[in-house]
C-alpha atoms as a PDB file:
ATOM      1  CA  MET A   1     -36.984 -44.688 -33.299  1.00  0.00           C
ATOM      2  CA  ARG A   2     -35.909 -46.276 -30.018  1.00  0.00           C
ATOM      3  CA  ALA A   3     -32.268 -46.613 -31.096  1.00  0.00           C
ATOM      4  CA  ALA A   4     -32.203 -43.054 -32.461  1.00  0.00           C
ATOM      5  CA  LEU A   5     -33.582 -41.629 -29.209  1.00  0.00           C
ATOM      6  CA  GLN A   6     -31.070 -43.610 -27.158  1.00  0.00           C
ATOM      7  CA  MET A   7     -28.077 -42.501 -29.228  1.00  0.00           C
ATOM      8  CA  THR A   8     -29.221 -38.881 -29.265  1.00  0.00           C
ATOM      9  CA  ALA A   9     -29.718 -38.899 -25.500  1.00  0.00           C
ATOM     10  CA  PHE A  10     -26.325 -40.552 -24.954  1.00  0.00           C
ATOM     11  CA  GLY A  11     -24.482 -38.057 -27.147  1.00  0.00           C
ATOM     12  CA  LEU A  12     -26.206 -35.112 -25.488  1.00  0.00           C
ATOM     13  CA  ALA A  13     -25.559 -36.515 -22.010  1.00  0.00           C
ATOM     14  CA  LEU A  14     -21.877 -37.043 -22.827  1.00  0.00           C
ATOM     15  CA  VAL A  15     -21.372 -33.473 -24.079  1.00  0.00           C
ATOM     16  CA  SER A  16     -23.389 -32.013 -21.197  1.00  0.00           C
ATOM     17  CA  THR A  17     -21.401 -33.978 -18.614  1.00  0.00           C
ATOM     18  CA  LEU A  18     -18.157 -32.636 -20.102  1.00  0.00           C
ATOM     19  CA  PHE A  19     -19.600 -29.118 -19.918  1.00  0.00           C
ATOM     20  CA  LEU A  20     -20.430 -29.592 -16.238  1.00  0.00           C
ATOM     21  CA  LEU A  21     -16.942 -30.920 -15.478  1.00  0.00           C
ATOM     22  CA  LEU A  22     -15.302 -28.011 -17.315  1.00  0.00           C
ATOM     23  CA  ALA A  23     -17.525 -25.509 -15.530  1.00  0.00           C
ATOM     24  CA  THR A  24     -16.567 -26.978 -12.168  1.00  0.00           C
ATOM     25  CA  CYS A  25     -12.823 -26.967 -12.882  1.00  0.00           C
ATOM     26  CA  THR A  26     -12.371 -23.691 -14.800  1.00  0.00           C
ATOM     27  CA  ASP A  27     -11.778 -20.292 -13.222  1.00  0.00           C
ATOM     28  CA  CYS A  28     -14.023 -17.804 -15.026  1.00  0.00           C
ATOM     29  CA  TRP A  29     -17.242 -17.862 -13.047  1.00  0.00           C
ATOM     30  CA  MET A  30     -16.751 -14.155 -12.410  1.00  0.00           C
ATOM     31  CA  VAL A  31     -14.885 -11.717 -14.710  1.00  0.00           C
ATOM     32  CA  ASN A  32     -14.090  -8.061 -14.203  1.00  0.00           C
ATOM     33  CA  ALA A  33     -16.633  -5.859 -15.957  1.00  0.00           C
ATOM     34  CA  ASP A  34     -14.819  -2.517 -15.570  1.00  0.00           C
ATOM     35  CA  ASP A  35     -13.919  -1.093 -18.987  1.00  0.00           C
ATOM     36  CA  SER A  36     -11.242   1.162 -17.490  1.00  0.00           C
ATOM     37  CA  LEU A  37      -9.076  -1.852 -16.586  1.00  0.00           C
ATOM     38  CA  GLU A  38      -7.262  -2.528 -19.839  1.00  0.00           C
ATOM     39  CA  VAL A  39      -3.977  -3.808 -18.424  1.00  0.00           C
ATOM     40  CA  SER A  40      -5.283  -6.978 -16.780  1.00  0.00           C
ATOM     41  CA  HIS A  41      -8.128  -9.439 -16.988  1.00  0.00           C
ATOM     42  CA  LYS A  42      -9.352 -10.960 -13.721  1.00  0.00           C
ATOM     43  CA  CYS A  43     -11.313 -14.178 -13.334  1.00  0.00           C
ATOM     44  CA  ARG A  44     -12.700 -15.785 -10.202  1.00  0.00           C
ATOM     45  CA  GLY A  45     -13.604 -19.450 -10.054  1.00  0.00           C
ATOM     46  CA  LEU A  46     -14.787 -21.896  -7.451  1.00  0.00           C
ATOM     47  CA  TRP A  47     -11.239 -22.837  -6.450  1.00  0.00           C
ATOM     48  CA  ARG A  48      -8.932 -19.916  -7.277  1.00  0.00           C
ATOM     49  CA  GLU A  49      -8.643 -16.396  -8.688  1.00  0.00           C
ATOM     50  CA  CYS A  50      -6.537 -15.677 -11.778  1.00  0.00           C
ATOM     51  CA  VAL A  51      -5.200 -12.459 -13.295  1.00  0.00           C
ATOM     52  CA  THR A  52      -3.978 -12.260 -16.900  1.00  0.00           C
ATOM     53  CA  ASN A  53      -1.711  -9.402 -17.975  1.00  0.00           C
ATOM     54  CA  MET A  54      -3.095  -8.137 -21.275  1.00  0.00           C
ATOM     55  CA  GLN A  55       0.288  -6.773 -22.427  1.00  0.00           C
ATOM     56  CA  ASP A  56       2.493  -9.868 -22.168  1.00  0.00           C
ATOM     57  CA  GLY A  57      -0.169 -12.562 -21.614  1.00  0.00           C
ATOM     58  CA  VAL A  58       1.287 -13.770 -18.310  1.00  0.00           C
ATOM     59  CA  ARG A  59      -1.324 -15.484 -16.150  1.00  0.00           C
ATOM     60  CA  THR A  60      -0.977 -15.795 -12.380  1.00  0.00           C
ATOM     61  CA  CYS A  61      -3.421 -17.563 -10.089  1.00  0.00           C
ATOM     62  CA  ASP A  62      -4.080 -17.286  -6.371  1.00  0.00           C
ATOM     63  CA  GLN A  63      -5.263 -20.578  -4.919  1.00  0.00           C
ATOM     64  CA  TYR A  64      -7.875 -20.363  -2.189  1.00  0.00           C
ATOM     65  CA  ASP A  65      -6.509 -21.313   1.224  1.00  0.00           C
ATOM     66  CA  SER A  66      -8.605 -24.396   1.894  1.00  0.00           C
ATOM     67  CA  ILE A  67     -11.778 -26.107   0.778  1.00  0.00           C
ATOM     68  CA  LEU A  68     -13.094 -25.984   4.331  1.00  0.00           C
ATOM     69  CA  ALA A  69     -12.104 -22.358   4.933  1.00  0.00           C
ATOM     70  CA  ASP A  70     -14.642 -19.575   5.307  1.00  0.00           C
ATOM     71  CA  HIS A  71     -15.789 -18.630   1.807  1.00  0.00           C
ATOM     72  CA  PRO A  72     -18.773 -16.679   0.450  1.00  0.00           C
ATOM     73  CA  VAL A  73     -22.057 -18.573   0.450  1.00  0.00           C
ATOM     74  CA  LYS A  74     -22.285 -18.562  -3.348  1.00  0.00           C
ATOM     75  CA  ILE A  75     -18.965 -20.401  -3.651  1.00  0.00           C
ATOM     76  CA  VAL A  76     -19.836 -23.050  -1.047  1.00  0.00           C
ATOM     77  CA  VAL A  77     -23.320 -23.687  -2.469  1.00  0.00           C
ATOM     78  CA  THR A  78     -22.143 -23.760  -6.085  1.00  0.00           C
ATOM     79  CA  ARG A  79     -19.272 -26.100  -5.244  1.00  0.00           C
ATOM     80  CA  THR A  80     -21.589 -28.548  -3.489  1.00  0.00           C
ATOM     81  CA  LEU A  81     -24.273 -28.515  -6.164  1.00  0.00           C
ATOM     82  CA  LEU A  82     -21.870 -28.713  -9.116  1.00  0.00           C
ATOM     83  CA  ILE A  83     -19.816 -31.558  -7.652  1.00  0.00           C
ATOM     84  CA  THR A  84     -23.012 -33.504  -6.884  1.00  0.00           C
ATOM     85  CA  ALA A  85     -24.298 -32.831 -10.400  1.00  0.00           C
ATOM     86  CA  ASP A  86     -20.984 -34.054 -11.871  1.00  0.00           C
ATOM     87  CA  LEU A  87     -21.148 -37.306  -9.903  1.00  0.00           C
ATOM     88  CA  LEU A  88     -24.785 -37.944 -10.809  1.00  0.00           C
ATOM     89  CA  ALA A  89     -24.207 -37.156 -14.490  1.00  0.00           C
ATOM     90  CA  GLY A  90     -21.216 -39.510 -14.596  1.00  0.00           C
ATOM     91  CA  LEU A  91     -23.200 -42.311 -12.948  1.00  0.00           C
ATOM     92  CA  ALA A  92     -26.132 -41.776 -15.319  1.00  0.00           C
ATOM     93  CA  LEU A  93     -23.785 -41.788 -18.315  1.00  0.00           C
ATOM     94  CA  ALA A  94     -22.318 -45.156 -17.298  1.00  0.00           C
ATOM     95  CA  MET A  95     -25.801 -46.644 -16.755  1.00  0.00           C
ATOM     96  CA  LEU A  96     -27.009 -45.289 -20.075  1.00  0.00           C
ATOM     97  CA  LEU A  97     -23.992 -46.707 -21.901  1.00  0.00           C
ATOM     98  CA  LEU A  98     -24.686 -50.192 -20.544  1.00  0.00           C
ATOM     99  CA  GLY A  99     -28.406 -49.828 -21.300  1.00  0.00           C
ATOM    100  CA  LEU A 100     -27.998 -49.011 -25.000  1.00  0.00           C
ATOM    101  CA  ASP A 101     -29.446 -51.591 -27.374  1.00  0.00           C
ATOM    102  CA  CYS A 102     -26.258 -51.624 -29.443  1.00  0.00           C
ATOM    103  CA  ILE A 103     -24.210 -52.777 -26.424  1.00  0.00           C
ATOM    104  CA  LYS A 104     -24.055 -56.548 -25.938  1.00  0.00           C
ATOM    105  CA  PHE A 105     -24.208 -56.260 -22.142  1.00  0.00           C
ATOM    106  CA  LEU A 106     -27.411 -58.018 -20.946  1.00  0.00           C
ATOM    107  CA  LYS A 107     -28.524 -58.430 -24.549  1.00  0.00           C
ATOM    108  CA  GLU A 108     -30.690 -61.407 -23.590  1.00  0.00           C
ATOM    109  CA  ASP A 109     -32.636 -59.378 -21.009  1.00  0.00           C
ATOM    110  CA  PRO A 110     -34.043 -56.230 -22.683  1.00  0.00           C
ATOM    111  CA  THR A 111     -36.228 -55.442 -19.674  1.00  0.00           C
ATOM    112  CA  VAL A 112     -33.186 -54.827 -17.482  1.00  0.00           C
ATOM    113  CA  LYS A 113     -31.594 -52.647 -20.162  1.00  0.00           C
ATOM    114  CA  LEU A 114     -34.800 -50.631 -20.408  1.00  0.00           C
ATOM    115  CA  LYS A 115     -34.829 -50.131 -16.640  1.00  0.00           C
ATOM    116  CA  MET A 116     -31.205 -48.985 -16.759  1.00  0.00           C
ATOM    117  CA  CYS A 117     -32.066 -46.370 -19.372  1.00  0.00           C
ATOM    118  CA  ASP A 118     -35.035 -45.280 -17.281  1.00  0.00           C
ATOM    119  CA  GLY A 119     -32.866 -44.979 -14.161  1.00  0.00           C
ATOM    120  CA  ALA A 120     -30.223 -43.063 -16.095  1.00  0.00           C
ATOM    121  CA  GLY A 121     -32.878 -40.598 -17.243  1.00  0.00           C
ATOM    122  CA  GLY A 122     -34.072 -40.025 -13.680  1.00  0.00           C
ATOM    123  CA  ILE A 123     -30.532 -39.511 -12.363  1.00  0.00           C
ATOM    124  CA  LEU A 124     -29.755 -37.122 -15.218  1.00  0.00           C
ATOM    125  CA  GLY A 125     -32.878 -35.140 -14.374  1.00  0.00           C
ATOM    126  CA  ILE A 126     -31.835 -34.763 -10.720  1.00  0.00           C
ATOM    127  CA  GLY A 127     -28.278 -33.821 -11.690  1.00  0.00           C
ATOM    128  CA  SER A 128     -29.491 -31.252 -14.198  1.00  0.00           C
ATOM    129  CA  ILE A 129     -31.680 -29.558 -11.589  1.00  0.00           C
ATOM    130  CA  LEU A 130     -28.804 -29.405  -9.089  1.00  0.00           C
ATOM    131  CA  GLY A 131     -26.389 -28.019 -11.673  1.00  0.00           C
ATOM    132  CA  LEU A 132     -28.896 -25.467 -12.911  1.00  0.00           C
ATOM    133  CA  VAL A 133     -29.707 -24.308  -9.380  1.00  0.00           C
ATOM    134  CA  GLY A 134     -26.000 -23.927  -8.567  1.00  0.00           C
ATOM    135  CA  SER A 135     -25.191 -22.011 -11.737  1.00  0.00           C
ATOM    136  CA  VAL A 136     -28.211 -19.716 -11.529  1.00  0.00           C
ATOM    137  CA  TRP A 137     -27.597 -19.164  -7.792  1.00  0.00           C
ATOM    138  CA  TYR A 138     -24.064 -17.989  -8.533  1.00  0.00           C
ATOM    139  CA  ALA A 139     -25.128 -15.751 -11.432  1.00  0.00           C
ATOM    140  CA  VAL A 140     -27.964 -14.143  -9.486  1.00  0.00           C
ATOM    141  CA  ASP A 141     -25.724 -13.582  -6.459  1.00  0.00           C
ATOM    142  CA  VAL A 142     -23.094 -11.862  -8.606  1.00  0.00           C
ATOM    143  CA  TYR A 143     -25.741  -9.688 -10.263  1.00  0.00           C
ATOM    144  CA  VAL A 144     -27.359  -8.720  -6.948  1.00  0.00           C
ATOM    145  CA  GLU A 145     -23.979  -7.922  -5.404  1.00  0.00           C
ATOM    146  CA  ARG A 146     -23.055  -5.674  -8.304  1.00  0.00           C
ATOM    147  CA  ALA A 147     -26.483  -3.994  -8.338  1.00  0.00           C
ATOM    148  CA  MET A 148     -26.231  -3.204  -4.625  1.00  0.00           C
ATOM    149  CA  LEU A 149     -22.778  -1.644  -5.073  1.00  0.00           C
ATOM    150  CA  VAL A 150     -24.031   0.485  -7.954  1.00  0.00           C
ATOM    151  CA  ALA A 151     -27.139   1.510  -5.980  1.00  0.00           C
ATOM    152  CA  HIS A 152     -24.999   2.679  -3.046  1.00  0.00           C
ATOM    153  CA  ASN A 153     -22.419   4.365  -5.323  1.00  0.00           C
ATOM    154  CA  VAL A 154     -19.673   2.086  -3.996  1.00  0.00           C
ATOM    155  CA  PHE A 155     -16.636   1.670  -6.232  1.00  0.00           C
ATOM    156  CA  LEU A 156     -14.095  -0.938  -5.145  1.00  0.00           C
ATOM    157  CA  GLY A 157     -11.828  -0.625  -8.180  1.00  0.00           C
ATOM    158  CA  VAL A 158     -13.176  -3.764  -9.882  1.00  0.00           C
ATOM    159  CA  HIS A 159     -16.746  -4.759 -10.689  1.00  0.00           C
ATOM    160  CA  TYR A 160     -17.442  -8.365 -11.585  1.00  0.00           C
ATOM    161  CA  ASP A 161     -19.912  -9.977 -13.938  1.00  0.00           C
ATOM    162  CA  PHE A 162     -20.597 -13.711 -14.383  1.00  0.00           C
ATOM    163  CA  GLY A 163     -18.322 -15.319 -16.977  1.00  0.00           C
ATOM    164  CA  TRP A 164     -18.212 -18.178 -19.459  1.00  0.00           C
ATOM    165  CA  SER A 165     -17.741 -20.891 -16.820  1.00  0.00           C
ATOM    166  CA  CYS A 166     -21.124 -19.972 -15.376  1.00  0.00           C
ATOM    167  CA  TRP A 167     -22.706 -20.115 -18.828  1.00  0.00           C
ATOM    168  CA  LEU A 168     -21.015 -23.482 -19.379  1.00  0.00           C
ATOM    169  CA  GLY A 169     -22.588 -24.819 -16.180  1.00  0.00           C
ATOM    170  CA  MET A 170     -26.022 -23.657 -17.290  1.00  0.00           C
ATOM    171  CA  ALA A 171     -25.583 -25.182 -20.766  1.00  0.00           C
ATOM    172  CA  GLY A 172     -24.435 -28.514 -19.326  1.00  0.00           C
ATOM    173  CA  SER A 173     -27.356 -28.619 -16.911  1.00  0.00           C
ATOM    174  CA  MET A 174     -29.883 -27.856 -19.630  1.00  0.00           C
ATOM    175  CA  GLY A 175     -28.325 -30.510 -21.870  1.00  0.00           C
ATOM    176  CA  CYS A 176     -28.677 -33.135 -19.127  1.00  0.00           C
ATOM    177  CA  LEU A 177     -32.312 -32.103 -18.665  1.00  0.00           C
ATOM    178  CA  VAL A 178     -33.045 -32.484 -22.380  1.00  0.00           C
ATOM    179  CA  ALA A 179     -31.323 -35.888 -22.391  1.00  0.00           C
ATOM    180  CA  SER A 180     -33.513 -36.940 -19.463  1.00  0.00           C
ATOM    181  CA  VAL A 181     -36.627 -35.923 -21.394  1.00  0.00           C
ATOM    182  CA  LEU A 182     -35.448 -37.863 -24.462  1.00  0.00           C
ATOM    183  CA  LEU A 183     -34.944 -40.979 -22.354  1.00  0.00           C
ATOM    184  CA  SER A 184     -38.465 -40.568 -20.974  1.00  0.00           C
ATOM    185  CA  ARG A 185     -39.801 -40.384 -24.535  1.00  0.00           C
ATOM    186  CA  CYS A 186     -37.790 -43.501 -25.376  1.00  0.00           C
ATOM    187  CA  LEU A 187     -39.370 -45.328 -22.436  1.00  0.00           C
ATOM    188  CA  CYS A 188     -42.861 -44.282 -23.546  1.00  0.00           C
ATOM    189  CA  ALA A 189     -42.126 -45.440 -27.105  1.00  0.00           C
ATOM    190  CA  CYS A 190     -40.831 -48.803 -25.895  1.00  0.00           C
ATOM    191  CA  THR A 191     -43.835 -49.270 -23.604  1.00  0.00           C
ATOM    192  CA  GLY A 192     -46.196 -48.460 -26.450  1.00  0.00           C
ATOM    193  CA  GLN A 193     -44.493 -50.913 -28.778  1.00  0.00           C
ATOM    194  CA  SER A 194     -44.453 -53.708 -26.206  1.00  0.00           C
ATOM    195  CA  ALA A 195     -48.180 -53.400 -25.397  1.00  0.00           C
ATOM    196  CA  PRO A 196     -50.272 -55.762 -27.588  1.00  0.00           C
ATOM    197  CA  SER A 197     -52.967 -54.170 -29.732  1.00  0.00           C
ATOM    198  CA  HIS A 198     -55.409 -57.066 -29.127  1.00  0.00           C
ATOM    199  CA  PRO A 199     -55.904 -59.050 -25.924  1.00  0.00           C
ATOM    200  CA  ILE A 200     -54.474 -62.572 -26.031  1.00  0.00           C
ATOM    201  CA  ARG A 201     -56.652 -65.283 -24.654  1.00  0.00           C
ATOM    202  CA  THR A 202     -54.962 -67.467 -22.094  1.00  0.00           C
ATOM    203  CA  PRO A 203     -55.616 -71.245 -21.893  1.00  0.00           C
ATOM    204  CA  CYS A 204     -57.755 -70.657 -18.785  1.00  0.00           C
ATOM    205  CA  VAL A 205     -59.987 -68.235 -20.686  1.00  0.00           C
ATOM    206  CA  ARG A 206     -60.349 -70.628 -23.626  1.00  0.00           C
ATOM    207  CA  THR A 207     -61.220 -73.510 -21.289  1.00  0.00           C
ATOM    208  CA  ALA A 208     -63.854 -71.480 -19.485  1.00  0.00           C
ATOM    209  CA  THR A 209     -65.362 -70.395 -22.805  1.00  0.00           C
ATOM    210  CA  SER A 210     -65.575 -73.980 -24.088  1.00  0.00           C
ATOM    211  CA  LYS A 211     -67.316 -75.086 -20.872  1.00  0.00           C
ATOM    212  CA  MET A 212     -69.913 -72.324 -21.275  1.00  0.00           C
ATOM    213  CA  TYR A 213     -70.601 -73.445 -24.861  1.00  0.00           C
ATOM    214  CA  ALA A 214     -70.975 -77.060 -23.671  1.00  0.00           C
ATOM    215  CA  MET A 215     -73.493 -76.067 -20.987  1.00  0.00           C
ATOM    216  CA  ASP A 216     -75.528 -74.064 -23.523  1.00  0.00           C
ATOM    217  CA  SER A 217     -75.691 -77.060 -25.885  1.00  0.00           C
ATOM    218  CA  ARG A 218     -76.922 -79.367 -23.119  1.00  0.00           C
ATOM    219  CA  VAL A 219     -79.689 -76.948 -22.241  1.00  0.00           C
END
């Protein structure tokens, strides 16, 4: 059961980390939601904005001026949280790989390997929370912005909705969270197996017991 939990958690963490990396790098966090625009498809990401011509399929992208330039709060917050989540997920994945029982690294010291798996689970949990907060922050901000424009009857030519990159960030974050829970279950299972079902008497306890029996016989 321990090996199955470890391999399941590793596979899920690997896929979820790839999802987080793709969400950070891709450009469809926001897509145009106006049905009247049939000639082009617009996407906005964390780093650039792209427009695809629906007639000939030509895609042009406008790179944002600078990382440190003045950008909307949702972009700055999502960038920071997603990049931190990517780094934490990558670190946890490396620790988990070295902590697997099937890897010969530190094979003679299973306690250290167990601690590495435990640490990887904790780091994955923190990264998943950061990624989920960043993705949900972005989605909620896009929804609130659109709702306010609709409420005030403001039409700017293009209305945006959150796109597949945002969903990818949420899926990757949830996958890392599930992997963290699986590693916690693995730790509980290992702890339960390592605990002895009956107390083992130490030599000191046996010596003290024999002395008590000797005193009773003398009396």
